[in-house]
């Protein structure tokens, strides 16, 4: 997935490779960065969820095309009919 000309999957992969090659990082910092990478991956995967691949209703799809049906009928309610009762 690309967001603002950034290929997310490739960037995450490259950061993980660089992190594994780095020897001077403390274990705590390395673990913290790994946790952030996991969180980022989860958020990234949630961006691709829509009504076709999850249980979300179509009304919650981002940028969905709204379909308006045209019936050919005039707008408004029924016409009132005056009834005249004999007196």
N, C-alpha and C. Protein backbone atom coordinates (compact mmCIF):
# COMPACT_ATOMS: atom_id res chain seq x y z
N UNK A 1 0.85 -1.18 0.00
CA UNK A 1 0.00 0.00 0.00
C UNK A 1 0.88 1.23 0.00
N UNK A 2 0.48 2.22 -0.77
CA UNK A 2 1.24 3.46 -0.86
C UNK A 2 0.42 4.59 -0.27
N UNK A 3 1.02 5.35 0.63
CA UNK A 3 0.38 6.52 1.21
C UNK A 3 1.30 7.70 0.98
N UNK A 4 0.81 8.70 0.25
CA UNK A 4 1.58 9.91 -0.07
C UNK A 4 2.96 9.55 -0.63
N UNK A 5 2.98 8.69 -1.61
CA UNK A 5 4.19 8.26 -2.32
C UNK A 5 5.19 7.50 -1.45
N UNK A 6 4.72 6.92 -0.34
CA UNK A 6 5.58 6.11 0.52
C UNK A 6 5.05 4.68 0.47
N UNK A 7 5.90 3.76 0.04
CA UNK A 7 5.51 2.36 0.00
C UNK A 7 5.66 1.79 1.41
N UNK A 8 4.55 1.61 2.09
CA UNK A 8 4.55 1.26 3.50
C UNK A 8 5.23 -0.08 3.77
N UNK A 9 4.85 -1.13 3.05
CA UNK A 9 5.42 -2.46 3.31
C UNK A 9 6.92 -2.49 3.11
N UNK A 10 7.40 -1.86 2.06
CA UNK A 10 8.84 -1.83 1.79
C UNK A 10 9.59 -1.04 2.86
N UNK A 11 9.01 0.05 3.32
CA UNK A 11 9.65 0.87 4.34
C UNK A 11 9.76 0.10 5.65
N UNK A 12 8.69 -0.59 6.05
CA UNK A 12 8.72 -1.39 7.28
C UNK A 12 9.76 -2.50 7.16
N UNK A 13 9.81 -3.14 6.02
CA UNK A 13 10.79 -4.22 5.80
C UNK A 13 12.22 -3.68 5.90
N UNK A 14 12.47 -2.52 5.30
CA UNK A 14 13.81 -1.93 5.33
C UNK A 14 14.22 -1.54 6.75
N UNK A 15 13.29 -0.99 7.51
CA UNK A 15 13.60 -0.60 8.89
C UNK A 15 13.91 -1.83 9.73
N UNK A 16 13.15 -2.90 9.54
CA UNK A 16 13.43 -4.13 10.30
C UNK A 16 14.80 -4.71 9.95
N UNK A 17 15.18 -4.65 8.67
CA UNK A 17 16.51 -5.13 8.27
C UNK A 17 17.61 -4.29 8.90
N UNK A 18 17.45 -2.97 8.85
CA UNK A 18 18.45 -2.08 9.45
C UNK A 18 18.54 -2.29 10.96
N UNK A 19 17.41 -2.52 11.60
CA UNK A 19 17.38 -2.74 13.03
C UNK A 19 18.10 -4.03 13.41
N UNK A 20 17.94 -5.06 12.60
CA UNK A 20 18.61 -6.33 12.89
C UNK A 20 20.12 -6.26 12.67
N UNK A 21 20.57 -5.38 11.78
CA UNK A 21 22.00 -5.22 11.51
C UNK A 21 22.71 -4.35 12.55
N UNK A 22 21.95 -3.50 13.23
CA UNK A 22 22.53 -2.57 14.19
C UNK A 22 22.94 -3.30 15.47
N UNK A 23 24.21 -3.18 15.86
CA UNK A 23 24.73 -3.89 17.03
C UNK A 23 24.83 -3.01 18.27
N UNK A 24 24.85 -1.68 18.10
CA UNK A 24 25.08 -0.77 19.22
C UNK A 24 23.79 -0.29 19.89
N UNK A 25 22.66 -0.84 19.53
CA UNK A 25 21.39 -0.41 20.13
C UNK A 25 21.11 -1.27 21.36
N UNK A 26 20.65 -0.62 22.43
CA UNK A 26 20.33 -1.37 23.65
C UNK A 26 19.14 -2.29 23.40
N UNK A 27 19.07 -3.39 24.10
CA UNK A 27 17.95 -4.32 23.92
C UNK A 27 16.59 -3.68 24.21
N UNK A 28 16.55 -2.76 25.18
CA UNK A 28 15.29 -2.10 25.51
C UNK A 28 14.81 -1.22 24.35
N UNK A 29 15.74 -0.47 23.77
CA UNK A 29 15.39 0.39 22.63
C UNK A 29 14.97 -0.46 21.44
N UNK A 30 15.68 -1.54 21.20
CA UNK A 30 15.36 -2.44 20.10
C UNK A 30 13.95 -3.03 20.28
N UNK A 31 13.61 -3.44 21.51
CA UNK A 31 12.29 -3.99 21.79
C UNK A 31 11.20 -2.93 21.61
N UNK A 32 11.49 -1.70 22.04
CA UNK A 32 10.52 -0.62 21.89
C UNK A 32 10.25 -0.32 20.41
N UNK A 33 11.29 -0.33 19.62
CA UNK A 33 11.13 -0.07 18.19
C UNK A 33 10.35 -1.21 17.54
N UNK A 34 10.60 -2.44 17.96
CA UNK A 34 9.86 -3.59 17.43
C UNK A 34 8.37 -3.48 17.75
N UNK A 35 8.05 -3.06 19.00
CA UNK A 35 6.65 -2.89 19.38
C UNK A 35 5.99 -1.82 18.52
N UNK A 36 6.70 -0.73 18.27
CA UNK A 36 6.14 0.33 17.41
C UNK A 36 5.94 -0.17 15.98
N UNK A 37 6.84 -1.01 15.50
CA UNK A 37 6.71 -1.56 14.15
C UNK A 37 5.50 -2.48 14.06
N UNK A 38 5.26 -3.27 15.11
CA UNK A 38 4.08 -4.14 15.14
C UNK A 38 2.81 -3.29 15.14
N UNK A 39 2.78 -2.25 15.97
CA UNK A 39 1.61 -1.37 16.02
C UNK A 39 1.38 -0.70 14.68
N UNK A 40 2.45 -0.24 14.05
CA UNK A 40 2.34 0.40 12.75
C UNK A 40 1.81 -0.57 11.70
N UNK A 41 2.27 -1.81 11.76
CA UNK A 41 1.79 -2.83 10.81
C UNK A 41 0.30 -3.09 11.01
N UNK A 42 -0.15 -3.16 12.26
CA UNK A 42 -1.57 -3.37 12.53
C UNK A 42 -2.42 -2.21 12.02
N UNK A 43 -1.96 -1.00 12.24
CA UNK A 43 -2.69 0.18 11.75
C UNK A 43 -2.72 0.18 10.23
N UNK A 44 -1.62 -0.14 9.62
CA UNK A 44 -1.52 -0.20 8.16
C UNK A 44 -2.52 -1.20 7.60
N UNK A 45 -2.60 -2.37 8.23
CA UNK A 45 -3.53 -3.40 7.74
C UNK A 45 -4.98 -2.99 7.93
N UNK A 46 -5.27 -2.20 8.96
CA UNK A 46 -6.64 -1.73 9.19
C UNK A 46 -7.07 -0.73 8.13
N UNK A 47 -6.14 -0.04 7.52
CA UNK A 47 -6.49 0.93 6.48
C UNK A 47 -7.11 0.26 5.27
N UNK A 48 -6.74 -0.97 5.02
CA UNK A 48 -7.24 -1.68 3.85
C UNK A 48 -8.55 -2.41 4.07
N UNK A 49 -9.13 -2.29 5.27
CA UNK A 49 -10.37 -3.01 5.55
C UNK A 49 -11.56 -2.20 5.04
N UNK A 50 -12.44 -2.90 4.33
CA UNK A 50 -13.69 -2.27 3.90
C UNK A 50 -14.81 -3.30 3.98
N UNK A 51 -15.97 -2.97 3.47
CA UNK A 51 -17.12 -3.86 3.63
C UNK A 51 -16.99 -5.15 2.82
N UNK A 52 -16.12 -5.20 1.84
CA UNK A 52 -16.00 -6.42 1.05
C UNK A 52 -15.09 -7.46 1.69
N UNK A 53 -14.19 -7.03 2.58
CA UNK A 53 -13.29 -8.01 3.20
C UNK A 53 -13.39 -8.03 4.73
N UNK A 54 -14.51 -7.53 5.27
CA UNK A 54 -14.73 -7.57 6.70
C UNK A 54 -16.23 -7.54 6.97
N UNK A 55 -16.57 -7.42 8.24
CA UNK A 55 -17.99 -7.37 8.59
C UNK A 55 -18.51 -5.94 8.71
N UNK A 56 -17.72 -4.97 8.27
CA UNK A 56 -18.15 -3.58 8.31
C UNK A 56 -19.29 -3.36 7.32
N UNK A 57 -20.26 -2.53 7.68
CA UNK A 57 -21.33 -2.23 6.72
C UNK A 57 -20.80 -1.29 5.62
N UNK A 58 -21.39 -1.34 4.44
CA UNK A 58 -20.93 -0.48 3.35
C UNK A 58 -21.00 1.01 3.66
N UNK A 59 -21.88 1.40 4.57
CA UNK A 59 -21.99 2.82 4.91
C UNK A 59 -20.74 3.35 5.60
N UNK A 60 -19.90 2.47 6.13
CA UNK A 60 -18.67 2.90 6.79
C UNK A 60 -17.44 2.83 5.89
N UNK A 61 -17.63 2.49 4.62
CA UNK A 61 -16.51 2.47 3.69
C UNK A 61 -16.03 3.90 3.43
N UNK A 62 -14.73 4.12 3.48
CA UNK A 62 -14.23 5.45 3.15
C UNK A 62 -14.34 5.71 1.65
N UNK A 63 -14.70 6.90 1.29
CA UNK A 63 -14.79 7.34 -0.11
C UNK A 63 -15.70 6.43 -0.95
N UNK A 64 -16.77 5.97 -0.36
CA UNK A 64 -17.67 5.10 -1.12
C UNK A 64 -18.50 5.92 -2.08
N UNK A 65 -18.88 5.30 -3.17
CA UNK A 65 -19.75 5.95 -4.14
C UNK A 65 -21.18 5.71 -3.70
N UNK A 66 -21.90 6.79 -3.50
CA UNK A 66 -23.28 6.67 -3.07
C UNK A 66 -24.17 6.55 -4.30
N UNK A 67 -25.02 5.56 -4.27
CA UNK A 67 -25.90 5.30 -5.40
C UNK A 67 -27.28 5.84 -5.06
N UNK A 68 -27.77 6.69 -5.92
CA UNK A 68 -29.10 7.26 -5.71
C UNK A 68 -30.00 6.71 -6.80
N UNK A 69 -31.06 6.04 -6.38
CA UNK A 69 -31.98 5.46 -7.34
C UNK A 69 -32.98 6.52 -7.78
N UNK A 70 -33.25 6.57 -9.07
CA UNK A 70 -34.21 7.51 -9.62
C UNK A 70 -35.44 6.71 -10.02
N UNK A 71 -36.59 7.06 -9.41
CA UNK A 71 -37.80 6.28 -9.67
C UNK A 71 -38.65 6.88 -10.79
N UNK A 72 -38.43 8.11 -11.11
CA UNK A 72 -39.23 8.74 -12.15
C UNK A 72 -40.49 9.39 -11.61
N UNK A 73 -40.74 9.27 -10.32
CA UNK A 73 -41.93 9.85 -9.72
C UNK A 73 -41.62 11.26 -9.23
N UNK A 74 -42.64 12.07 -9.15
CA UNK A 74 -42.48 13.41 -8.62
C UNK A 74 -42.30 13.34 -7.11
N UNK A 75 -41.60 14.30 -6.58
CA UNK A 75 -41.39 14.37 -5.14
C UNK A 75 -42.66 14.86 -4.45
N UNK A 76 -42.88 14.43 -3.23
CA UNK A 76 -44.03 14.90 -2.46
C UNK A 76 -44.93 13.75 -2.07
N UNK A 77 -45.91 14.09 -1.24
CA UNK A 77 -46.82 13.07 -0.75
C UNK A 77 -48.02 12.89 -1.66
N UNK A 78 -49.01 12.19 -1.14
CA UNK A 78 -50.22 11.95 -1.91
C UNK A 78 -51.07 13.22 -1.94
N UNK A 79 -51.84 13.35 -2.99
CA UNK A 79 -52.74 14.50 -3.09
C UNK A 79 -53.93 14.24 -2.20
N UNK A 80 -54.40 15.32 -1.59
CA UNK A 80 -55.56 15.21 -0.72
C UNK A 80 -56.83 15.24 -1.56
N UNK A 81 -57.75 14.41 -1.19
CA UNK A 81 -59.04 14.36 -1.88
C UNK A 81 -60.09 14.88 -0.90
N UNK A 82 -60.79 15.91 -1.34
CA UNK A 82 -61.84 16.46 -0.49
C UNK A 82 -63.09 15.62 -0.70
N UNK A 83 -63.59 15.12 0.37
CA UNK A 83 -64.83 14.38 0.29
C UNK A 83 -65.99 15.28 0.66
N UNK A 84 -67.01 15.21 -0.10
CA UNK A 84 -68.19 16.02 0.19
C UNK A 84 -69.28 15.09 0.66
N UNK A 85 -69.75 15.32 1.86
CA UNK A 85 -70.82 14.51 2.42
C UNK A 85 -72.14 15.22 2.25
N UNK A 86 -73.14 14.52 1.83
CA UNK A 86 -74.45 15.18 1.73
C UNK A 86 -74.96 15.55 3.12
N UNK A 87 -75.56 16.68 3.22
CA UNK A 87 -76.06 17.10 4.51
C UNK A 87 -77.55 16.90 4.65
